[in-house]
Amino acid sequence: MSNSNQQQEQINIELDEKTAEGIYSNLAIINHSSSEFVLDFVSIMPGIPKAKVKSRIVLTPQHAKRLLKAIGENIHRFEVAHGEIKDSEQPSIPLNFGPAGQA
């Protein structure tokens, strides 16, 4: 690929300070329709029965599949560098607002 083609394909992505801080989440709730995937990120505190969605990401099915692949590849690279990530058992969390998956 020529240098001029590389320059045309570059994307300038900005990250402001507030977004760079990130949002902690220890629960992801995933729903989907025929046209989109909705990922809700929640932070649940022990002993507190109520929690709020801290962030919501809406993706097309194609982008959701690309995200799955990208996360899988990054987990593989992480485990090669740092060892296997152990999957600990999590207590069951009742979700009473419709069909959902959790991660």
N, C-alpha and C. Protein backbone atom coordinates (compact mmCIF):
# COMPACT_ATOMS: atom_id res chain seq x y z
N MET A 1 0.85 -1.17 0.00
CA MET A 1 0.00 0.00 0.00
C MET A 1 0.90 1.24 0.00
N SER A 2 0.60 2.19 -0.82
CA SER A 2 1.44 3.39 -0.89
C SER A 2 1.21 4.28 0.32
N ASN A 3 2.14 5.18 0.55
CA ASN A 3 2.08 6.08 1.70
C ASN A 3 0.86 6.98 1.63
N SER A 4 0.48 7.44 0.41
CA SER A 4 -0.68 8.32 0.27
C SER A 4 -1.97 7.57 0.62
N ASN A 5 -2.07 6.27 0.27
CA ASN A 5 -3.25 5.48 0.64
C ASN A 5 -3.33 5.29 2.14
N GLN A 6 -2.18 5.08 2.80
CA GLN A 6 -2.17 4.92 4.25
C GLN A 6 -2.65 6.19 4.93
N GLN A 7 -2.23 7.35 4.44
CA GLN A 7 -2.65 8.62 5.05
C GLN A 7 -4.15 8.84 4.89
N GLN A 8 -4.72 8.44 3.74
CA GLN A 8 -6.15 8.62 3.52
C GLN A 8 -6.97 7.69 4.41
N GLU A 9 -6.45 6.53 4.79
CA GLU A 9 -7.18 5.56 5.59
C GLU A 9 -7.02 5.76 7.09
N GLN A 10 -6.17 6.67 7.52
CA GLN A 10 -5.97 6.89 8.96
C GLN A 10 -7.18 7.61 9.54
N ILE A 11 -7.50 7.26 10.77
CA ILE A 11 -8.59 7.90 11.50
C ILE A 11 -8.00 8.60 12.71
N ASN A 12 -8.35 9.84 12.88
CA ASN A 12 -7.89 10.60 14.04
C ASN A 12 -8.93 10.45 15.14
N ILE A 13 -8.58 9.74 16.21
CA ILE A 13 -9.51 9.49 17.31
C ILE A 13 -9.06 10.30 18.52
N GLU A 14 -9.96 11.11 19.06
CA GLU A 14 -9.66 11.92 20.23
C GLU A 14 -10.27 11.28 21.47
N LEU A 15 -9.59 11.43 22.59
CA LEU A 15 -10.05 10.89 23.87
C LEU A 15 -9.95 12.00 24.91
N ASP A 16 -11.10 12.53 25.34
CA ASP A 16 -11.06 13.59 26.34
C ASP A 16 -10.78 13.02 27.73
N GLU A 17 -10.44 13.90 28.67
CA GLU A 17 -10.03 13.45 30.02
C GLU A 17 -11.12 12.65 30.72
N LYS A 18 -12.35 13.11 30.66
CA LYS A 18 -13.46 12.45 31.36
C LYS A 18 -13.65 11.03 30.83
N THR A 19 -13.65 10.86 29.51
CA THR A 19 -13.81 9.54 28.91
C THR A 19 -12.61 8.66 29.22
N ALA A 20 -11.42 9.24 29.26
CA ALA A 20 -10.19 8.48 29.52
C ALA A 20 -10.20 7.87 30.93
N GLU A 21 -10.95 8.45 31.86
CA GLU A 21 -11.04 7.90 33.22
C GLU A 21 -11.70 6.53 33.21
N GLY A 22 -12.59 6.29 32.28
CA GLY A 22 -13.29 5.02 32.19
C GLY A 22 -14.39 4.89 33.22
N ILE A 23 -15.15 3.82 33.10
CA ILE A 23 -16.24 3.53 34.03
C ILE A 23 -16.07 2.08 34.48
N TYR A 24 -16.03 1.84 35.78
CA TYR A 24 -15.88 0.49 36.31
C TYR A 24 -17.19 -0.27 36.16
N SER A 25 -17.10 -1.52 35.77
CA SER A 25 -18.26 -2.38 35.65
C SER A 25 -17.90 -3.79 36.09
N ASN A 26 -18.78 -4.40 36.88
CA ASN A 26 -18.56 -5.81 37.24
C ASN A 26 -19.74 -6.69 36.80
N LEU A 27 -20.58 -6.13 35.93
CA LEU A 27 -21.69 -6.88 35.35
C LEU A 27 -22.03 -6.28 33.99
N ALA A 28 -22.16 -7.14 33.00
CA ALA A 28 -22.62 -6.71 31.68
C ALA A 28 -23.91 -7.45 31.37
N ILE A 29 -24.91 -6.72 30.95
CA ILE A 29 -26.19 -7.30 30.56
C ILE A 29 -26.33 -7.08 29.06
N ILE A 30 -26.58 -8.17 28.34
CA ILE A 30 -26.60 -8.10 26.89
C ILE A 30 -27.97 -8.51 26.38
N ASN A 31 -28.56 -7.65 25.58
CA ASN A 31 -29.83 -7.93 24.91
C ASN A 31 -29.64 -7.71 23.42
N HIS A 32 -30.52 -8.27 22.62
CA HIS A 32 -30.42 -8.04 21.18
C HIS A 32 -31.77 -8.13 20.52
N SER A 33 -31.85 -7.48 19.37
CA SER A 33 -33.00 -7.59 18.47
C SER A 33 -32.45 -8.06 17.13
N SER A 34 -33.26 -8.06 16.11
CA SER A 34 -32.77 -8.47 14.80
C SER A 34 -31.82 -7.45 14.19
N SER A 35 -31.80 -6.23 14.72
CA SER A 35 -30.98 -5.19 14.10
C SER A 35 -29.90 -4.60 15.00
N GLU A 36 -29.90 -4.95 16.30
CA GLU A 36 -28.89 -4.35 17.18
C GLU A 36 -28.63 -5.20 18.42
N PHE A 37 -27.45 -5.01 18.97
CA PHE A 37 -27.07 -5.57 20.27
C PHE A 37 -26.95 -4.41 21.23
N VAL A 38 -27.46 -4.59 22.45
CA VAL A 38 -27.38 -3.56 23.48
C VAL A 38 -26.58 -4.13 24.64
N LEU A 39 -25.48 -3.48 24.98
CA LEU A 39 -24.63 -3.89 26.11
C LEU A 39 -24.77 -2.85 27.20
N ASP A 40 -25.32 -3.26 28.34
CA ASP A 40 -25.44 -2.38 29.51
C ASP A 40 -24.37 -2.79 30.51
N PHE A 41 -23.61 -1.82 30.96
CA PHE A 41 -22.54 -2.06 31.94
C PHE A 41 -22.97 -1.49 33.28
N VAL A 42 -22.92 -2.36 34.31
CA VAL A 42 -23.43 -2.05 35.63
C VAL A 42 -22.33 -2.26 36.66
N SER A 43 -22.37 -1.49 37.73
CA SER A 43 -21.49 -1.72 38.86
C SER A 43 -22.36 -2.07 40.06
N ILE A 44 -22.28 -3.33 40.48
CA ILE A 44 -23.08 -3.82 41.61
C ILE A 44 -22.20 -3.86 42.85
N MET A 45 -22.69 -3.31 43.93
CA MET A 45 -21.96 -3.32 45.19
C MET A 45 -22.52 -4.41 46.10
N PRO A 46 -21.66 -5.14 46.80
CA PRO A 46 -22.12 -6.21 47.69
C PRO A 46 -23.11 -5.69 48.74
N GLY A 47 -24.18 -6.43 48.93
CA GLY A 47 -25.15 -6.10 49.96
C GLY A 47 -26.13 -5.00 49.57
N ILE A 48 -25.99 -4.43 48.39
CA ILE A 48 -26.91 -3.39 47.96
C ILE A 48 -27.75 -3.95 46.82
N PRO A 49 -29.08 -4.07 47.04
CA PRO A 49 -29.92 -4.76 46.06
C PRO A 49 -30.25 -3.95 44.81
N LYS A 50 -29.81 -2.70 44.74
CA LYS A 50 -30.15 -1.86 43.60
C LYS A 50 -28.87 -1.36 42.95
N ALA A 51 -28.88 -1.34 41.63
CA ALA A 51 -27.73 -0.83 40.89
C ALA A 51 -28.23 -0.12 39.64
N LYS A 52 -27.43 0.81 39.14
CA LYS A 52 -27.80 1.56 37.94
C LYS A 52 -26.86 1.19 36.80
N VAL A 53 -27.41 1.26 35.59
CA VAL A 53 -26.59 1.11 34.40
C VAL A 53 -25.67 2.32 34.33
N LYS A 54 -24.37 2.08 34.24
CA LYS A 54 -23.38 3.15 34.18
C LYS A 54 -23.08 3.57 32.75
N SER A 55 -23.23 2.62 31.81
CA SER A 55 -22.93 2.91 30.42
C SER A 55 -23.69 1.94 29.54
N ARG A 56 -24.14 2.42 28.39
CA ARG A 56 -24.84 1.57 27.42
C ARG A 56 -24.18 1.74 26.06
N ILE A 57 -23.90 0.63 25.41
CA ILE A 57 -23.34 0.63 24.07
C ILE A 57 -24.32 -0.11 23.16
N VAL A 58 -24.67 0.51 22.04
CA VAL A 58 -25.56 -0.11 21.06
C VAL A 58 -24.74 -0.39 19.80
N LEU A 59 -24.78 -1.65 19.35
CA LEU A 59 -23.96 -2.08 18.21
C LEU A 59 -24.82 -2.77 17.16
N THR A 60 -24.39 -2.69 15.91
CA THR A 60 -25.01 -3.52 14.88
C THR A 60 -24.55 -4.96 15.13
N PRO A 61 -25.27 -5.95 14.62
CA PRO A 61 -24.82 -7.33 14.78
C PRO A 61 -23.41 -7.55 14.23
N GLN A 62 -23.08 -6.91 13.12
CA GLN A 62 -21.75 -7.06 12.53
C GLN A 62 -20.67 -6.50 13.46
N HIS A 63 -20.93 -5.34 14.06
CA HIS A 63 -19.95 -4.77 14.99
C HIS A 63 -19.85 -5.59 16.27
N ALA A 64 -20.97 -6.16 16.72
CA ALA A 64 -20.95 -7.02 17.91
C ALA A 64 -20.06 -8.24 17.66
N LYS A 65 -20.16 -8.82 16.46
CA LYS A 65 -19.34 -9.98 16.14
C LYS A 65 -17.86 -9.59 16.06
N ARG A 66 -17.56 -8.42 15.48
CA ARG A 66 -16.18 -7.95 15.43
C ARG A 66 -15.64 -7.69 16.83
N LEU A 67 -16.49 -7.15 17.72
CA LEU A 67 -16.07 -6.91 19.10
C LEU A 67 -15.76 -8.23 19.79
N LEU A 68 -16.61 -9.24 19.61
CA LEU A 68 -16.36 -10.55 20.19
C LEU A 68 -15.01 -11.10 19.75
N LYS A 69 -14.72 -11.00 18.46
CA LYS A 69 -13.44 -11.48 17.93
C LYS A 69 -12.27 -10.69 18.51
N ALA A 70 -12.41 -9.37 18.57
CA ALA A 70 -11.33 -8.52 19.09
C ALA A 70 -11.07 -8.80 20.56
N ILE A 71 -12.11 -8.99 21.35
CA ILE A 71 -11.94 -9.31 22.77
C ILE A 71 -11.26 -10.67 22.91
N GLY A 72 -11.70 -11.66 22.13
CA GLY A 72 -11.08 -12.99 22.17
C GLY A 72 -9.59 -12.93 21.85
N GLU A 73 -9.23 -12.17 20.82
CA GLU A 73 -7.82 -12.05 20.44
C GLU A 73 -7.01 -11.37 21.55
N ASN A 74 -7.59 -10.35 22.17
CA ASN A 74 -6.89 -9.65 23.24
C ASN A 74 -6.76 -10.50 24.49
N ILE A 75 -7.76 -11.29 24.82
CA ILE A 75 -7.66 -12.21 25.96
C ILE A 75 -6.56 -13.22 25.69
N HIS A 76 -6.50 -13.75 24.47
CA HIS A 76 -5.44 -14.71 24.12
C HIS A 76 -4.07 -14.08 24.32
N ARG A 77 -3.86 -12.86 23.82
CA ARG A 77 -2.56 -12.20 23.97
C ARG A 77 -2.24 -11.94 25.44
N PHE A 78 -3.25 -11.55 26.22
CA PHE A 78 -3.06 -11.32 27.65
C PHE A 78 -2.61 -12.59 28.35
N GLU A 79 -3.29 -13.71 28.04
CA GLU A 79 -2.96 -14.98 28.69
C GLU A 79 -1.59 -15.49 28.27
N VAL A 80 -1.19 -15.25 27.06
CA VAL A 80 0.16 -15.62 26.62
C VAL A 80 1.19 -14.86 27.45
N ALA A 81 0.92 -13.59 27.70
CA ALA A 81 1.87 -12.75 28.45
C ALA A 81 1.80 -12.95 29.96
N HIS A 82 0.59 -13.22 30.50
CA HIS A 82 0.41 -13.19 31.95
C HIS A 82 -0.13 -14.47 32.55
N GLY A 83 -0.43 -15.47 31.75
CA GLY A 83 -1.00 -16.71 32.26
C GLY A 83 -2.52 -16.72 32.14
N GLU A 84 -3.08 -17.89 32.33
CA GLU A 84 -4.52 -18.08 32.15
C GLU A 84 -5.33 -17.25 33.13
N ILE A 85 -6.39 -16.66 32.65
CA ILE A 85 -7.33 -15.93 33.50
C ILE A 85 -8.26 -16.98 34.10
N LYS A 86 -8.28 -17.07 35.41
CA LYS A 86 -9.14 -18.04 36.09
C LYS A 86 -10.56 -17.51 36.14
N ASP A 87 -11.52 -18.35 35.79
CA ASP A 87 -12.93 -17.98 35.81
C ASP A 87 -13.51 -18.36 37.16
N SER A 88 -13.68 -17.39 38.05
CA SER A 88 -14.21 -17.68 39.39
C SER A 88 -15.73 -17.74 39.34
N GLU A 89 -16.29 -18.53 40.25
CA GLU A 89 -17.74 -18.63 40.32
C GLU A 89 -18.31 -17.36 40.91
N GLN A 90 -19.36 -16.85 40.27
CA GLN A 90 -20.02 -15.65 40.73
C GLN A 90 -21.38 -16.03 41.31
N PRO A 91 -21.81 -15.33 42.35
CA PRO A 91 -23.15 -15.61 42.89
C PRO A 91 -24.21 -15.25 41.85
N SER A 92 -25.31 -15.98 41.88
CA SER A 92 -26.40 -15.71 40.96
C SER A 92 -27.02 -14.36 41.27
N ILE A 93 -27.19 -13.55 40.25
CA ILE A 93 -27.81 -12.23 40.42
C ILE A 93 -29.16 -12.27 39.74
N PRO A 94 -30.25 -12.08 40.49
CA PRO A 94 -31.57 -12.11 39.85
C PRO A 94 -31.76 -10.88 38.96
N LEU A 95 -32.11 -11.13 37.72
CA LEU A 95 -32.38 -10.03 36.79
C LEU A 95 -33.86 -10.12 36.43
N ASN A 96 -34.62 -9.12 36.84
CA ASN A 96 -36.06 -9.21 36.68
C ASN A 96 -36.63 -8.18 35.71
N PHE A 97 -35.86 -7.85 34.67
CA PHE A 97 -36.38 -6.87 33.72
C PHE A 97 -36.35 -7.39 32.29
N GLY A 98 -36.73 -8.63 32.11
CA GLY A 98 -36.86 -9.17 30.77
C GLY A 98 -35.74 -10.10 30.41
N PRO A 99 -35.80 -10.66 29.20
CA PRO A 99 -34.76 -11.61 28.77
C PRO A 99 -33.42 -10.92 28.65
N ALA A 100 -32.41 -11.55 29.20
CA ALA A 100 -31.08 -10.95 29.16
C ALA A 100 -30.04 -12.02 29.35
N GLY A 101 -28.87 -11.73 28.87
CA GLY A 101 -27.72 -12.56 29.16
C GLY A 101 -26.81 -11.79 30.06
N GLN A 102 -25.86 -12.44 30.66
CA GLN A 102 -24.91 -11.71 31.48
C GLN A 102 -23.52 -12.22 31.21
N ALA A 103 -22.57 -11.32 31.40
CA ALA A 103 -21.16 -11.68 31.19
C ALA A 103 -20.35 -11.19 32.35
